[in-house]
């Protein structure tokens, strides 16, 4: 790996670690102060707090991963430490995918005015059981990624040329396990989020259509702003999740070494994910905007 790429990745690593850990730690601090004041946490507060905690750990794991790759490559060969980091990293990423799904379900139930018994049941159950769902999601994400330790291996190929020698890292995994892992960890939460986005956007368009009858109300309706903010947050979260998974999947299908610009771009997307997701959450939450920046900058 060239010196220029080394320097680039260290710079990106420092920037993303500092920004990601700072932003997520700020969210955790806000909710910790609210907890100390015995303030009640609503559903989205619990989801945001869980996502912030997950992102802090994910950012640290990514930092260790990049640091090992750049400076301690021999450790990957000696004890296959990358596989353990791989399991933890995927576990945290899938956990975030499911966080996005539950957040989308919450926003959908809040925005869509359906009186069907099924929706009423979901709204009641989600409010009372969100903490249990978050814990079950994280535990499930861990166990569906645990088989990677036994089904995946790295092949190390030493390439020696006249000027230099380099090592390529190729991943191999069970062809039967990967589809199951992708469906449960990625596809299913994305489908749930997309369904919720569709219902929410439909509700938003219906709300806009009704309010067009009153131009002044249409331009200043707080309810309309809430609808737009929630829909925007859901859409951006799903886009970030999809881009993140495609980047990791692209890396897993090829060698782990950084021998092309395309792979450098993929690794940059992966390292930027926690920070980008956190910025979206802050901009989509008036409470966090107010407490972190002193004003609702997303309105």
Protein backbone atom coordinates (compact mmCIF):
# COMPACT_ATOMS: atom_id res chain seq x y z
CA UNK A 1 0.00 0.00 0.00
CA UNK A 2 1.49 3.35 -1.02
CA UNK A 3 2.47 6.07 1.41
CA UNK A 4 -0.08 8.46 -0.09
CA UNK A 5 -2.93 6.03 0.62
CA UNK A 6 -1.57 5.45 4.12
CA UNK A 7 -1.65 9.17 4.85
CA UNK A 8 -5.10 9.56 3.27
CA UNK A 9 -6.61 6.81 5.41
CA UNK A 10 -5.05 8.09 8.61
CA UNK A 11 -6.44 11.58 7.91
CA UNK A 12 -9.92 10.19 7.12
CA UNK A 13 -9.74 7.96 10.18
CA UNK A 14 -8.91 10.85 12.49
CA UNK A 15 -11.55 13.16 11.01
CA UNK A 16 -14.33 10.57 11.09
CA UNK A 17 -13.41 9.28 14.55
CA UNK A 18 -13.31 12.74 16.08
CA UNK A 19 -16.52 13.92 14.39
CA UNK A 20 -18.44 10.65 14.83
CA UNK A 21 -17.51 10.03 18.45
CA UNK A 22 -18.03 13.71 19.34
CA UNK A 23 -21.49 13.91 17.75
CA UNK A 24 -22.71 10.61 19.17
CA UNK A 25 -21.24 11.35 22.58
CA UNK A 26 -23.10 14.67 22.53
CA UNK A 27 -26.37 12.84 21.88
CA UNK A 28 -25.62 10.42 24.71
CA UNK A 29 -24.82 13.34 27.02
CA UNK A 30 -28.11 15.08 26.18
CA UNK A 31 -30.14 12.00 27.02
CA UNK A 32 -28.05 11.24 30.12
CA UNK A 33 -28.82 14.72 31.46
CA UNK A 34 -32.51 14.21 30.72
CA UNK A 35 -32.36 10.87 32.54
CA UNK A 36 -30.71 12.54 35.53
CA UNK A 37 -33.55 15.04 35.56
CA UNK A 38 -35.98 12.10 35.45
CA UNK A 39 -37.49 13.26 32.17
CA UNK A 40 -39.66 10.78 30.28
CA UNK A 41 -38.14 9.20 27.15
CA UNK A 42 -40.49 8.75 24.22
CA UNK A 43 -39.99 6.04 21.60
CA UNK A 44 -37.74 8.04 19.25
CA UNK A 45 -35.58 9.16 22.20
CA UNK A 46 -34.85 5.54 23.10
CA UNK A 47 -34.07 4.67 19.49
CA UNK A 48 -31.78 7.69 19.06
CA UNK A 49 -29.92 6.89 22.27
CA UNK A 50 -29.44 3.26 21.24
CA UNK A 51 -28.21 4.34 17.79
CA UNK A 52 -25.76 6.81 19.34
CA UNK A 53 -24.32 4.14 21.65
CA UNK A 54 -24.05 1.70 18.75
CA UNK A 55 -22.33 4.29 16.56
CA UNK A 56 -19.71 5.10 19.20
CA UNK A 57 -18.74 1.44 19.45
CA UNK A 58 -18.89 1.04 15.65
CA UNK A 59 -16.61 4.04 15.14
CA UNK A 60 -14.08 2.60 17.59
CA UNK A 61 -14.16 -0.82 15.90
CA UNK A 62 -13.64 0.78 12.49
CA UNK A 63 -10.72 2.79 13.85
CA UNK A 64 -9.08 -0.36 15.23
CA UNK A 65 -9.74 -2.15 11.94
CA UNK A 66 -8.08 0.56 9.81
CA UNK A 67 -5.21 0.92 12.29
CA UNK A 68 -4.49 -2.82 12.16
CA UNK A 69 -4.66 -2.81 8.38
CA UNK A 70 -2.27 0.13 8.01
CA UNK A 71 0.31 -0.66 10.69
CA UNK A 72 -0.16 -4.18 12.08
CA UNK A 73 -0.91 -6.28 9.02
CA UNK A 74 0.97 -9.27 10.42
CA UNK A 75 -1.59 -9.60 13.24
CA UNK A 76 -4.23 -10.42 10.65
CA UNK A 77 -2.12 -13.33 9.47
CA UNK A 78 -1.12 -14.58 12.93
CA UNK A 79 -4.46 -14.79 14.73
CA UNK A 80 -7.15 -13.91 12.16
CA UNK A 81 -8.12 -10.93 14.32
CA UNK A 82 -9.84 -9.35 11.34
CA UNK A 83 -12.55 -12.02 11.45
CA UNK A 84 -13.50 -11.05 15.00
CA UNK A 85 -13.56 -7.38 14.06
CA UNK A 86 -15.58 -8.32 10.99
CA UNK A 87 -18.22 -10.05 13.13
CA UNK A 88 -18.45 -7.15 15.59
CA UNK A 89 -18.56 -4.57 12.79
CA UNK A 90 -21.32 -6.35 10.89
CA UNK A 91 -23.23 -6.93 14.12
CA UNK A 92 -23.22 -3.18 14.84
CA UNK A 93 -24.09 -2.24 11.25
CA UNK A 94 -27.03 -4.64 11.13
CA UNK A 95 -28.11 -3.32 14.51
CA UNK A 96 -28.21 0.16 13.00
CA UNK A 97 -30.21 -1.12 10.04
CA UNK A 98 -32.83 -2.44 12.43
CA UNK A 99 -32.72 0.78 14.43
CA UNK A 100 -33.63 2.60 11.23
CA UNK A 101 -36.47 0.14 10.61
CA UNK A 102 -37.94 0.67 14.10
CA UNK A 103 -37.54 4.44 13.77
CA UNK A 104 -39.37 4.31 10.44
CA UNK A 105 -42.15 2.21 11.99
CA UNK A 106 -42.48 4.73 14.81
CA UNK A 107 -42.65 7.72 12.45
CA UNK A 108 -45.09 5.88 10.20
CA UNK A 109 -47.46 5.06 13.07
CA UNK A 110 -47.17 8.65 14.26
CA UNK A 111 -47.85 10.25 10.88
CA UNK A 112 -50.31 7.90 9.23
CA UNK A 113 -53.87 8.37 10.41
CA UNK A 114 -55.21 4.86 9.99
CA UNK A 115 -57.88 3.61 12.38
CA UNK A 116 -57.39 -0.06 11.51
CA UNK A 117 -57.02 -2.31 14.55
CA UNK A 118 -53.66 -3.59 13.31
CA UNK A 119 -52.15 -0.09 13.29
CA UNK A 120 -53.60 0.71 16.68
CA UNK A 121 -52.15 -2.53 18.06
CA UNK A 122 -48.71 -1.78 16.60
CA UNK A 123 -48.70 1.76 17.98
CA UNK A 124 -49.54 0.52 21.47
CA UNK A 125 -47.05 -2.36 21.40
CA UNK A 126 -44.22 -0.25 20.01
CA UNK A 127 -44.63 2.37 22.72
CA UNK A 128 -44.54 -0.19 25.51
CA UNK A 129 -42.00 -2.64 24.08
CA UNK A 130 -39.45 -0.56 22.15
CA UNK A 131 -36.65 -1.21 24.66
CA UNK A 132 -37.19 -4.97 24.47
CA UNK A 133 -37.28 -4.78 20.65
CA UNK A 134 -33.99 -2.88 20.55
CA UNK A 135 -32.29 -5.42 22.81
CA UNK A 136 -33.68 -8.36 20.83
CA UNK A 137 -32.54 -6.70 17.61
CA UNK A 138 -28.97 -6.27 18.83
CA UNK A 139 -28.81 -9.82 20.21
CA UNK A 140 -30.25 -11.23 16.99
CA UNK A 141 -27.80 -9.20 14.87
CA UNK A 142 -24.92 -10.61 16.88
CA UNK A 143 -25.98 -14.23 16.51
CA UNK A 144 -26.66 -14.08 12.76
CA UNK A 145 -23.12 -12.76 12.24
CA UNK A 146 -21.38 -15.12 14.67
CA UNK A 147 -21.11 -17.96 12.06
CA UNK A 148 -18.72 -15.75 10.07
CA UNK A 149 -16.00 -16.94 12.48
CA UNK A 150 -16.37 -20.51 11.16
CA UNK A 151 -17.66 -19.95 7.62
CA UNK A 152 -15.32 -17.17 6.51
CA UNK A 153 -11.57 -17.20 6.05
CA UNK A 154 -8.94 -14.90 4.63
CA UNK A 155 -6.47 -16.05 2.00
CA UNK A 156 -3.15 -14.27 2.02
CA UNK A 157 -1.34 -14.05 -1.30
CA UNK A 158 2.11 -12.54 -1.39
CA UNK A 159 2.85 -10.63 -4.58
CA UNK A 160 6.54 -9.95 -5.13
CA UNK A 161 7.75 -7.65 -7.87
CA UNK A 162 11.10 -6.10 -8.69
CA UNK A 163 10.32 -2.92 -6.78
CA UNK A 164 8.09 -4.05 -3.93
CA UNK A 165 6.10 -6.81 -2.37
CA UNK A 166 2.48 -6.60 -1.25
CA UNK A 167 -0.09 -8.84 0.34
CA UNK A 168 -3.60 -9.34 -0.97
CA UNK A 169 -6.41 -10.40 1.36
CA UNK A 170 -9.26 -12.34 -0.19
CA UNK A 171 -12.38 -13.33 1.73
CA UNK A 172 -14.13 -16.65 1.30
CA UNK A 173 -17.37 -17.61 3.03
CA UNK A 174 -20.13 -20.19 2.86
CA UNK A 175 -22.38 -19.54 -0.13
CA UNK A 176 -25.39 -20.82 1.86
CA UNK A 177 -24.82 -18.58 4.86
CA UNK A 178 -24.35 -15.23 3.09
CA UNK A 179 -27.87 -15.03 1.54
CA UNK A 180 -29.46 -15.78 4.93
CA UNK A 181 -27.26 -13.18 6.57
CA UNK A 182 -28.12 -10.55 3.96
CA UNK A 183 -31.88 -11.20 4.07
CA UNK A 184 -32.21 -11.06 7.87
CA UNK A 185 -29.64 -8.37 8.59
CA UNK A 186 -30.11 -6.01 5.66
CA UNK A 187 -32.94 -6.77 3.25
CA UNK A 188 -35.69 -7.26 5.82
CA UNK A 189 -35.09 -4.01 7.78
CA UNK A 190 -34.73 -2.08 4.52
CA UNK A 191 -38.03 -3.49 3.23
CA UNK A 192 -39.75 -2.57 6.51
CA UNK A 193 -38.33 0.95 6.31
CA UNK A 194 -39.34 1.35 2.66
CA UNK A 195 -42.93 0.28 3.39
CA UNK A 196 -43.08 2.81 6.22
CA UNK A 197 -41.63 5.51 3.98
CA UNK A 198 -44.24 4.75 1.30
CA UNK A 199 -47.12 5.00 3.78
CA UNK A 200 -45.68 8.16 5.34
CA UNK A 201 -45.12 9.89 1.97
CA UNK A 202 -48.66 8.96 0.95
CA UNK A 203 -49.94 10.51 4.16
CA UNK A 204 -47.79 13.58 3.58
CA UNK A 205 -49.12 14.08 0.06
CA UNK A 206 -52.69 13.71 1.33
CA UNK A 207 -52.00 16.23 4.07
CA UNK A 208 -50.54 18.70 1.55
CA UNK A 209 -53.50 18.21 -0.76
CA UNK A 210 -55.96 19.02 2.02
CA UNK A 211 -54.02 22.07 3.15
CA UNK A 212 -53.82 23.57 -0.33
CA UNK A 213 -57.32 24.87 0.29
CA UNK A 214 -55.82 27.31 2.79
CA UNK A 215 -52.67 28.98 1.41
CA UNK A 216 -51.66 30.71 4.65
CA UNK A 217 -52.07 27.55 6.68
CA UNK A 218 -50.19 25.57 4.04
CA UNK A 219 -47.13 27.81 4.28
CA UNK A 220 -46.86 27.85 8.06
CA UNK A 221 -48.33 24.59 9.31
CA UNK A 222 -46.20 23.04 12.11
CA UNK A 223 -47.80 19.67 11.37
CA UNK A 224 -46.64 19.82 7.76
CA UNK A 225 -43.07 20.56 8.90
CA UNK A 226 -43.18 17.53 11.21
CA UNK A 227 -44.35 15.34 8.33
CA UNK A 228 -41.60 16.60 6.00
CA UNK A 229 -38.89 16.30 8.65
CA UNK A 230 -39.82 12.72 9.55
CA UNK A 231 -40.09 11.59 5.90
CA UNK A 232 -36.75 13.20 5.08
CA UNK A 233 -35.04 11.52 8.03
CA UNK A 234 -36.39 8.08 7.08
CA UNK A 235 -35.39 8.43 3.42
CA UNK A 236 -31.85 9.60 4.23
CA UNK A 237 -31.36 6.84 6.80
CA UNK A 238 -32.39 4.15 4.31
CA UNK A 239 -30.12 5.65 1.64
CA UNK A 240 -27.15 5.70 4.02
CA UNK A 241 -27.83 2.12 5.12
CA UNK A 242 -28.12 0.87 1.54
CA UNK A 243 -24.94 2.67 0.48
CA UNK A 244 -23.09 1.30 3.51
CA UNK A 245 -24.10 -2.29 2.85
CA UNK A 246 -23.23 -2.07 -0.85
CA UNK A 247 -19.79 -0.72 0.08
CA UNK A 248 -19.10 -3.54 2.55
CA UNK A 249 -20.49 -6.16 0.19
CA UNK A 250 -18.22 -4.85 -2.57
CA UNK A 251 -15.20 -5.08 -0.28
CA UNK A 252 -16.11 -8.62 0.81
CA UNK A 253 -16.42 -9.83 -2.78
CA UNK A 254 -12.89 -8.71 -3.56
CA UNK A 255 -9.55 -8.44 -1.82
CA UNK A 256 -9.27 -6.34 1.31
CA UNK A 257 -6.18 -4.55 0.08
CA UNK A 258 -6.42 -1.03 -1.33
CA UNK A 259 -5.10 -1.56 -4.85
CA UNK A 260 -7.71 0.45 -6.78
CA UNK A 261 -9.40 3.84 -6.47
CA UNK A 262 -12.76 2.09 -6.34
CA UNK A 263 -11.80 0.21 -3.17
CA UNK A 264 -10.49 3.41 -1.60
CA UNK A 265 -13.90 4.99 -2.26
CA UNK A 266 -15.69 2.00 -0.71
CA UNK A 267 -13.57 2.14 2.44
CA UNK A 268 -14.15 5.90 2.70
CA UNK A 269 -17.93 5.32 2.57
CA UNK A 270 -17.65 2.69 5.31
CA UNK A 271 -15.64 4.94 7.62
CA UNK A 272 -17.98 7.91 7.00
CA UNK A 273 -21.17 6.01 7.81
CA UNK A 274 -21.50 6.62 11.59
CA UNK A 275 -20.88 10.37 11.25
CA UNK A 276 -23.24 10.80 8.30
CA UNK A 277 -26.00 8.86 10.04
CA UNK A 278 -25.63 10.90 13.22
CA UNK A 279 -25.80 14.22 11.37
CA UNK A 280 -29.06 13.08 9.76
CA UNK A 281 -30.52 12.12 13.14
CA UNK A 282 -29.60 15.47 14.70
CA UNK A 283 -31.01 17.48 11.81
CA UNK A 284 -34.23 15.46 11.97
CA UNK A 285 -34.82 15.90 15.70
CA UNK A 286 -35.87 19.35 17.04
CA UNK A 287 -34.97 18.38 20.60
CA UNK A 288 -31.37 17.54 19.69
CA UNK A 289 -31.12 20.63 17.47
CA UNK A 290 -32.22 22.84 20.31
CA UNK A 291 -29.96 21.30 22.97
CA UNK A 292 -26.86 20.85 20.84
CA UNK A 293 -27.01 23.99 18.69
CA UNK A 294 -29.36 26.26 20.62
CA UNK A 295 -31.88 26.46 17.77
CA UNK A 296 -33.96 24.30 15.44
CA UNK A 297 -31.71 24.50 12.39
CA UNK A 298 -33.72 21.88 10.51
CA UNK A 299 -36.96 23.77 10.40
